[in-house]
PDB file of all heavy atoms in Angstrom:
ATOM      1  N   LYS A   1     -34.537-108.198 -49.417  1.00  0.00           N
ATOM      2  CA  LYS A   1     -35.016-109.535 -49.498  1.00  0.00           C
ATOM      3  C   LYS A   1     -36.456-109.528 -50.009  1.00  0.00           C
ATOM      4  O   LYS A   1     -37.221-108.631 -49.709  1.00  0.00           O
ATOM      5  CB  LYS A   1     -34.883-110.245 -48.131  1.00  0.00           C
ATOM      6  CG  LYS A   1     -33.509-110.460 -47.588  1.00  0.00           C
ATOM      7  CD  LYS A   1     -32.676-111.346 -48.407  1.00  0.00           C
ATOM      8  CE  LYS A   1     -31.281-111.516 -47.812  1.00  0.00           C
ATOM      9  NZ  LYS A   1     -30.409-112.421 -48.703  1.00  0.00           N
ATOM     10  N   THR A   2     -36.764-110.527 -50.894  1.00  0.00           N
ATOM     11  CA  THR A   2     -38.058-110.733 -51.370  1.00  0.00           C
ATOM     12  C   THR A   2     -38.661-112.041 -50.853  1.00  0.00           C
ATOM     13  O   THR A   2     -37.775-112.948 -50.664  1.00  0.00           O
ATOM     14  CB  THR A   2     -38.170-110.652 -52.950  1.00  0.00           C
ATOM     15  OG1 THR A   2     -37.371-111.666 -53.432  1.00  0.00           O
ATOM     16  CG2 THR A   2     -37.637-109.261 -53.420  1.00  0.00           C
ATOM     17  N   GLY A   3     -39.864-112.114 -50.783  1.00  0.00           N
ATOM     18  CA  GLY A   3     -40.567-113.369 -50.240  1.00  0.00           C
ATOM     19  C   GLY A   3     -42.002-113.219 -50.239  1.00  0.00           C
ATOM     20  O   GLY A   3     -42.575-112.262 -50.697  1.00  0.00           O
ATOM     21  N   TRP A   4     -42.633-114.123 -49.547  1.00  0.00           N
ATOM     22  CA  TRP A   4     -44.113-114.199 -49.363  1.00  0.00           C
ATOM     23  C   TRP A   4     -44.456-114.159 -47.874  1.00  0.00           C
ATOM     24  O   TRP A   4     -43.781-114.785 -47.027  1.00  0.00           O
ATOM     25  CB  TRP A   4     -44.573-115.515 -50.000  1.00  0.00           C
ATOM     26  CG  TRP A   4     -44.310-115.518 -51.425  1.00  0.00           C
ATOM     27  CD1 TRP A   4     -43.177-116.214 -52.015  1.00  0.00           C
ATOM     28  CD2 TRP A   4     -45.124-115.114 -52.564  1.00  0.00           C
ATOM     29  NE1 TRP A   4     -43.254-116.130 -53.325  1.00  0.00           N
ATOM     30  CE2 TRP A   4     -44.376-115.520 -53.668  1.00  0.00           C
ATOM     31  CE3 TRP A   4     -46.342-114.500 -52.552  1.00  0.00           C
ATOM     32  CZ2 TRP A   4     -44.826-115.134 -54.980  1.00  0.00           C
ATOM     33  CZ3 TRP A   4     -46.881-114.180 -53.837  1.00  0.00           C
ATOM     34  CH2 TRP A   4     -46.178-114.473 -55.040  1.00  0.00           C
ATOM     35  N   LEU A   5     -45.553-113.477 -47.503  1.00  0.00           N
ATOM     36  CA  LEU A   5     -46.161-113.591 -46.217  1.00  0.00           C
ATOM     37  C   LEU A   5     -47.509-114.238 -46.312  1.00  0.00           C
ATOM     38  O   LEU A   5     -48.391-113.720 -47.087  1.00  0.00           O
ATOM     39  CB  LEU A   5     -46.342-112.090 -45.665  1.00  0.00           C
ATOM     40  CG  LEU A   5     -47.111-111.958 -44.391  1.00  0.00           C
ATOM     41  CD1 LEU A   5     -46.231-112.651 -43.244  1.00  0.00           C
ATOM     42  CD2 LEU A   5     -47.394-110.520 -44.007  1.00  0.00           C
ATOM     43  N   GLU A   6     -47.753-115.349 -45.629  1.00  0.00           N
ATOM     44  CA  GLU A   6     -49.005-116.099 -45.732  1.00  0.00           C
ATOM     45  C   GLU A   6     -50.123-115.382 -45.021  1.00  0.00           C
ATOM     46  O   GLU A   6     -49.863-114.859 -43.955  1.00  0.00           O
ATOM     47  CB  GLU A   6     -48.772-117.461 -45.250  1.00  0.00           C
ATOM     48  CG  GLU A   6     -50.077-118.331 -45.438  1.00  0.00           C
ATOM     49  CD  GLU A   6     -49.833-119.836 -45.124  1.00  0.00           C
ATOM     50  OE1 GLU A   6     -48.769-120.129 -44.776  1.00  0.00           O
ATOM     51  OE2 GLU A   6     -50.722-120.633 -45.440  1.00  0.00           O
ATOM     52  N   ILE A   7     -51.221-115.266 -45.612  1.00  0.00           N
ATOM     53  CA  ILE A   7     -52.353-114.585 -44.982  1.00  0.00           C
ATOM     54  C   ILE A   7     -52.849-115.493 -43.783  1.00  0.00           C
ATOM     55  O   ILE A   7     -52.814-116.676 -43.936  1.00  0.00           O
ATOM     56  CB  ILE A   7     -53.529-114.384 -45.982  1.00  0.00           C
ATOM     57  CG1 ILE A   7     -53.108-113.398 -47.052  1.00  0.00           C
ATOM     58  CG2 ILE A   7     -54.824-113.871 -45.294  1.00  0.00           C
ATOM     59  CD1 ILE A   7     -53.934-113.346 -48.230  1.00  0.00           C
ATOM     60  N   GLU A   8     -53.178-114.780 -42.754  1.00  0.00           N
ATOM     61  CA  GLU A   8     -53.732-115.532 -41.578  1.00  0.00           C
ATOM     62  C   GLU A   8     -54.858-116.550 -42.019  1.00  0.00           C
ATOM     63  O   GLU A   8     -55.846-116.104 -42.714  1.00  0.00           O
ATOM     64  CB  GLU A   8     -54.307-114.504 -40.533  1.00  0.00           C
ATOM     65  CG  GLU A   8     -54.810-115.131 -39.304  1.00  0.00           C
ATOM     66  CD  GLU A   8     -53.701-115.804 -38.443  1.00  0.00           C
ATOM     67  OE1 GLU A   8     -52.552-115.388 -38.545  1.00  0.00           O
ATOM     68  OE2 GLU A   8     -54.072-116.717 -37.695  1.00  0.00           O
ATOM     69  N   GLY A   9     -54.757-117.772 -41.652  1.00  0.00           N
ATOM     70  CA  GLY A   9     -55.755-118.712 -42.053  1.00  0.00           C
ATOM     71  C   GLY A   9     -55.431-119.472 -43.276  1.00  0.00           C
ATOM     72  O   GLY A   9     -56.138-120.322 -43.721  1.00  0.00           O
ATOM     73  N   GLY A  10     -54.319-118.987 -44.092  1.00  0.00           N
ATOM     74  CA  GLY A  10     -53.901-119.627 -45.289  1.00  0.00           C
ATOM     75  C   GLY A  10     -54.857-119.256 -46.439  1.00  0.00           C
ATOM     76  O   GLY A  10     -55.754-118.335 -46.348  1.00  0.00           O
ATOM     77  N   GLY A  11     -54.663-119.809 -47.646  1.00  0.00           N
ATOM     78  CA  GLY A  11     -55.312-119.532 -48.793  1.00  0.00           C
ATOM     79  C   GLY A  11     -54.650-118.725 -49.812  1.00  0.00           C
ATOM     80  O   GLY A  11     -54.797-118.897 -51.015  1.00  0.00           O
ATOM     81  N   GLN A  12     -53.900-117.806 -49.336  1.00  0.00           N
ATOM     82  CA  GLN A  12     -53.114-116.760 -50.209  1.00  0.00           C
ATOM     83  C   GLN A  12     -51.867-116.309 -49.580  1.00  0.00           C
ATOM     84  O   GLN A  12     -51.778-116.382 -48.312  1.00  0.00           O
ATOM     85  CB  GLN A  12     -54.018-115.601 -50.719  1.00  0.00           C
ATOM     86  CG  GLN A  12     -55.152-116.019 -51.618  1.00  0.00           C
ATOM     87  CD  GLN A  12     -55.834-114.837 -52.227  1.00  0.00           C
ATOM     88  OE1 GLN A  12     -55.265-113.638 -52.174  1.00  0.00           O
ATOM     89  NE2 GLN A  12     -57.002-114.942 -52.833  1.00  0.00           N
ATOM     90  N   LYS A  13     -50.918-115.787 -50.341  1.00  0.00           N
ATOM     91  CA  LYS A  13     -49.728-115.322 -49.821  1.00  0.00           C
ATOM     92  C   LYS A  13     -49.492-113.858 -50.385  1.00  0.00           C
ATOM     93  O   LYS A  13     -49.953-113.675 -51.646  1.00  0.00           O
ATOM     94  CB  LYS A  13     -48.580-116.140 -50.173  1.00  0.00           C
ATOM     95  CG  LYS A  13     -48.615-117.470 -49.507  1.00  0.00           C
ATOM     96  CD  LYS A  13     -47.398-118.361 -49.916  1.00  0.00           C
ATOM     97  CE  LYS A  13     -47.410-119.662 -49.286  1.00  0.00           C
ATOM     98  NZ  LYS A  13     -46.210-120.529 -49.564  1.00  0.00           N
ATOM     99  N   LEU A  14     -48.982-113.009 -49.749  1.00  0.00           N
ATOM    100  CA  LEU A  14     -48.698-111.627 -50.135  1.00  0.00           C
ATOM    101  C   LEU A  14     -47.275-111.466 -50.554  1.00  0.00           C
ATOM    102  O   LEU A  14     -46.355-111.854 -49.774  1.00  0.00           O
ATOM    103  CB  LEU A  14     -49.067-110.650 -49.005  1.00  0.00           C
ATOM    104  CG  LEU A  14     -50.463-110.678 -48.460  1.00  0.00           C
ATOM    105  CD1 LEU A  14     -50.673-109.724 -47.290  1.00  0.00           C
ATOM    106  CD2 LEU A  14     -51.485-110.396 -49.553  1.00  0.00           C
ATOM    107  N   PRO A  15     -47.005-110.871 -51.738  1.00  0.00           N
ATOM    108  CA  PRO A  15     -45.572-110.625 -52.187  1.00  0.00           C
ATOM    109  C   PRO A  15     -44.917-109.466 -51.525  1.00  0.00           C
ATOM    110  O   PRO A  15     -45.419-108.359 -51.564  1.00  0.00           O
ATOM    111  CB  PRO A  15     -45.649-110.504 -53.658  1.00  0.00           C
ATOM    112  CG  PRO A  15     -47.028-109.917 -53.914  1.00  0.00           C
ATOM    113  CD  PRO A  15     -47.937-110.421 -52.782  1.00  0.00           C
ATOM    114  N   LEU A  16     -43.822-109.619 -50.897  1.00  0.00           N
ATOM    115  CA  LEU A  16     -43.104-108.497 -50.225  1.00  0.00           C
ATOM    116  C   LEU A  16     -41.722-108.343 -50.633  1.00  0.00           C
ATOM    117  O   LEU A  16     -41.002-109.299 -50.998  1.00  0.00           O
ATOM    118  CB  LEU A  16     -43.098-108.820 -48.640  1.00  0.00           C
ATOM    119  CG  LEU A  16     -44.375-108.919 -47.944  1.00  0.00           C
ATOM    120  CD1 LEU A  16     -44.034-109.343 -46.424  1.00  0.00           C
ATOM    121  CD2 LEU A  16     -45.275-107.850 -48.035  1.00  0.00           C
ATOM    122  N   THR A  17     -41.234-106.985 -50.537  1.00  0.00           N
ATOM    123  CA  THR A  17     -39.841-106.736 -50.557  1.00  0.00           C
ATOM    124  C   THR A  17     -39.525-106.002 -49.287  1.00  0.00           C
ATOM    125  O   THR A  17     -40.058-105.050 -48.974  1.00  0.00           O
ATOM    126  CB  THR A  17     -39.407-106.022 -51.806  1.00  0.00           C
ATOM    127  OG1 THR A  17     -39.723-106.656 -53.024  1.00  0.00           O
ATOM    128  CG2 THR A  17     -38.011-105.607 -51.842  1.00  0.00           C
ATOM    129  N   LEU A  18     -38.474-106.477 -48.595  1.00  0.00           N
ATOM    130  CA  LEU A  18     -37.941-105.851 -47.411  1.00  0.00           C
ATOM    131  C   LEU A  18     -36.593-105.234 -47.725  1.00  0.00           C
ATOM    132  O   LEU A  18     -35.767-105.865 -48.153  1.00  0.00           O
ATOM    133  CB  LEU A  18     -37.900-106.808 -46.235  1.00  0.00           C
ATOM    134  CG  LEU A  18     -39.005-107.619 -45.804  1.00  0.00           C
ATOM    135  CD1 LEU A  18     -38.813-108.437 -44.542  1.00  0.00           C
ATOM    136  CD2 LEU A  18     -40.324-106.785 -45.633  1.00  0.00           C
ATOM    137  N   ILE A  19     -36.470-103.932 -47.376  1.00  0.00           N
ATOM    138  CA  ILE A  19     -35.275-103.163 -47.657  1.00  0.00           C
ATOM    139  C   ILE A  19     -34.821-102.627 -46.274  1.00  0.00           C
ATOM    140  O   ILE A  19     -35.485-101.865 -45.600  1.00  0.00           O
ATOM    141  CB  ILE A  19     -35.527-102.059 -48.655  1.00  0.00           C
ATOM    142  CG1 ILE A  19     -35.990-102.548 -49.925  1.00  0.00           C
ATOM    143  CG2 ILE A  19     -34.200-101.113 -48.745  1.00  0.00           C
ATOM    144  CD1 ILE A  19     -36.523-101.474 -50.902  1.00  0.00           C
ATOM    145  N   CYS A  20     -33.641-103.211 -45.726  1.00  0.00           N
ATOM    146  CA  CYS A  20     -33.116-102.830 -44.529  1.00  0.00           C
ATOM    147  C   CYS A  20     -31.948-101.993 -44.679  1.00  0.00           C
ATOM    148  O   CYS A  20     -30.960-102.365 -45.208  1.00  0.00           O
ATOM    149  CB  CYS A  20     -32.812-104.156 -43.749  1.00  0.00           C
ATOM    150  SG  CYS A  20     -32.298-103.818 -41.957  1.00  0.00           S
ATOM    151  N   GLY A  21     -32.075-100.731 -44.353  1.00  0.00           N
ATOM    152  CA  GLY A  21     -30.996 -99.804 -44.670  1.00  0.00           C
ATOM    153  C   GLY A  21     -29.729-100.055 -43.844  1.00  0.00           C
ATOM    154  O   GLY A  21     -29.737-100.585 -42.839  1.00  0.00           O
ATOM    155  N   ALA A  22     -28.653 -99.641 -44.462  1.00  0.00           N
ATOM    156  CA  ALA A  22     -27.371 -99.811 -43.830  1.00  0.00           C
ATOM    157  C   ALA A  22     -27.279 -98.933 -42.570  1.00  0.00           C
ATOM    158  O   ALA A  22     -26.564 -99.230 -41.572  1.00  0.00           O
ATOM    159  CB  ALA A  22     -26.186 -99.435 -44.725  1.00  0.00           C
ATOM    160  N   LYS A  23     -28.068 -97.836 -42.544  1.00  0.00           N
ATOM    161  CA  LYS A  23     -28.057 -96.928 -41.385  1.00  0.00           C
ATOM    162  C   LYS A  23     -29.433 -97.078 -40.706  1.00  0.00           C
ATOM    163  O   LYS A  23     -30.427 -97.308 -41.239  1.00  0.00           O
ATOM    164  CB  LYS A  23     -27.851 -95.603 -41.668  1.00  0.00           C
ATOM    165  CG  LYS A  23     -26.433 -95.282 -42.339  1.00  0.00           C
ATOM    166  CD  LYS A  23     -26.321 -93.793 -42.704  1.00  0.00           C
ATOM    167  CE  LYS A  23     -24.911 -93.530 -43.415  1.00  0.00           C
ATOM    168  NZ  LYS A  23     -24.746 -92.128 -43.768  1.00  0.00           N
ATOM    169  N   GLU A  24     -29.488 -96.932 -39.390  1.00  0.00           N
ATOM    170  CA  GLU A  24     -30.703 -96.936 -38.572  1.00  0.00           C
ATOM    171  C   GLU A  24     -31.649 -95.763 -38.898  1.00  0.00           C
ATOM    172  O   GLU A  24     -31.090 -94.674 -39.209  1.00  0.00           O
ATOM    173  CB  GLU A  24     -30.442 -97.083 -37.083  1.00  0.00           C
ATOM    174  CG  GLU A  24     -29.823 -98.363 -36.703  1.00  0.00           C
ATOM    175  CD  GLU A  24     -29.683 -98.583 -35.247  1.00  0.00           C
ATOM    176  OE1 GLU A  24     -29.535 -97.452 -34.559  1.00  0.00           O
ATOM    177  OE2 GLU A  24     -29.654 -99.663 -34.658  1.00  0.00           O
ATOM    178  N   GLY A  25     -32.946 -96.020 -38.808  1.00  0.00           N
ATOM    179  CA  GLY A  25     -33.911 -94.927 -39.130  1.00  0.00           C
ATOM    180  C   GLY A  25     -35.318 -95.396 -39.013  1.00  0.00           C
ATOM    181  O   GLY A  25     -35.501 -96.588 -38.605  1.00  0.00           O
ATOM    182  N   PRO A  26     -36.264 -94.608 -39.393  1.00  0.00           N
ATOM    183  CA  PRO A  26     -37.646 -95.062 -39.238  1.00  0.00           C
ATOM    184  C   PRO A  26     -37.978 -96.039 -40.352  1.00  0.00           C
ATOM    185  O   PRO A  26     -37.266 -96.324 -41.370  1.00  0.00           O
ATOM    186  CB  PRO A  26     -38.403 -93.761 -39.505  1.00  0.00           C
ATOM    187  CG  PRO A  26     -37.467 -92.926 -40.317  1.00  0.00           C
ATOM    188  CD  PRO A  26     -36.108 -93.217 -39.772  1.00  0.00           C
ATOM    189  N   THR A  27     -39.163 -96.731 -40.202  1.00  0.00           N
ATOM    190  CA  THR A  27     -39.628 -97.728 -41.211  1.00  0.00           C
ATOM    191  C   THR A  27     -40.865 -97.144 -42.003  1.00  0.00           C
ATOM    192  O   THR A  27     -41.832 -96.662 -41.400  1.00  0.00           O
ATOM    193  CB  THR A  27     -40.021 -99.042 -40.489  1.00  0.00           C
ATOM    194  OG1 THR A  27     -38.898 -99.584 -39.848  1.00  0.00           O
ATOM    195  CG2 THR A  27     -40.657-100.020 -41.435  1.00  0.00           C
ATOM    196  N   MET A  28     -40.737 -97.224 -43.306  1.00  0.00           N
ATOM    197  CA  MET A  28     -41.879 -96.807 -44.161  1.00  0.00           C
ATOM    198  C   MET A  28     -42.408 -98.068 -44.807  1.00  0.00           C
ATOM    199  O   MET A  28     -41.723 -98.954 -45.273  1.00  0.00           O
ATOM    200  CB  MET A  28     -41.249 -96.007 -45.287  1.00  0.00           C
ATOM    201  CG  MET A  28     -42.251 -95.679 -46.477  1.00  0.00           C
ATOM    202  SD  MET A  28     -43.473 -94.548 -46.146  1.00  0.00           S
ATOM    203  CE  MET A  28     -42.565 -93.016 -46.207  1.00  0.00           C
ATOM    204  N   MET A  29     -43.732 -98.201 -44.748  1.00  0.00           N
ATOM    205  CA  MET A  29     -44.400 -99.186 -45.466  1.00  0.00           C
ATOM    206  C   MET A  29     -45.104 -98.655 -46.640  1.00  0.00           C
ATOM    207  O   MET A  29     -45.815 -97.548 -46.596  1.00  0.00           O
ATOM    208  CB  MET A  29     -45.478 -99.893 -44.575  1.00  0.00           C
ATOM    209  CG  MET A  29     -46.281-100.915 -45.272  1.00  0.00           C
ATOM    210  SD  MET A  29     -47.722-101.584 -44.376  1.00  0.00           S
ATOM    211  CE  MET A  29     -48.592-102.472 -45.633  1.00  0.00           C
ATOM    212  N   ILE A  30     -45.070 -99.195 -47.886  1.00  0.00           N
ATOM    213  CA  ILE A  30     -45.716 -98.809 -49.050  1.00  0.00           C
ATOM    214  C   ILE A  30     -46.494-100.024 -49.571  1.00  0.00           C
ATOM    215  O   ILE A  30     -45.958-101.131 -49.796  1.00  0.00           O
ATOM    216  CB  ILE A  30     -44.865 -98.376 -50.048  1.00  0.00           C
ATOM    217  CG1 ILE A  30     -43.763 -97.245 -49.474  1.00  0.00           C
ATOM    218  CG2 ILE A  30     -45.489 -97.768 -51.343  1.00  0.00           C
ATOM    219  CD1 ILE A  30     -42.747 -96.770 -50.496  1.00  0.00           C
ATOM    220  N   SER A  31     -47.821 -99.819 -49.817  1.00  0.00           N
ATOM    221  CA  SER A  31     -48.608-100.903 -50.413  1.00  0.00           C
ATOM    222  C   SER A  31     -49.214-100.598 -51.687  1.00  0.00           C
ATOM    223  O   SER A  31     -49.375 -99.328 -52.013  1.00  0.00           O
ATOM    224  CB  SER A  31     -49.777-101.344 -49.407  1.00  0.00           C
ATOM    225  OG  SER A  31     -50.545-100.194 -49.167  1.00  0.00           O
ATOM    226  N   ALA A  32     -49.593-101.532 -52.496  1.00  0.00           N
ATOM    227  CA  ALA A  32     -50.220-101.312 -53.786  1.00  0.00           C
ATOM    228  C   ALA A  32     -51.178-102.525 -53.994  1.00  0.00           C
ATOM    229  O   ALA A  32     -51.084-103.576 -53.329  1.00  0.00           O
ATOM    230  CB  ALA A  32     -49.175-101.202 -54.951  1.00  0.00           C
ATOM    231  N   GLY A  33     -52.033-102.369 -54.990  1.00  0.00           N
ATOM    232  CA  GLY A  33     -52.937-103.466 -55.417  1.00  0.00           C
ATOM    233  C   GLY A  33     -54.043-103.868 -54.377  1.00  0.00           C
ATOM    234  O   GLY A  33     -54.518-104.997 -54.412  1.00  0.00           O
ATOM    235  N   VAL A  34     -54.365-102.851 -53.516  1.00  0.00           N
ATOM    236  CA  VAL A  34     -55.594-103.109 -52.677  1.00  0.00           C
ATOM    237  C   VAL A  34     -56.770-103.386 -53.533  1.00  0.00           C
ATOM    238  O   VAL A  34     -57.637-104.225 -53.204  1.00  0.00           O
ATOM    239  CB  VAL A  34     -55.814-101.959 -51.710  1.00  0.00           C
ATOM    240  CG1 VAL A  34     -57.061-102.049 -50.947  1.00  0.00           C
ATOM    241  CG2 VAL A  34     -54.618-101.897 -50.737  1.00  0.00           C
TER     242      VAL A  34
END
């Protein structure tokens, strides 16, 4: 799923893609554009 996460206090939103695997396992976060 893709969508937006609003920054605390508003003003901007962060673009996200969430990939939920068919099998259970750990969660990896990857960021870009800092």
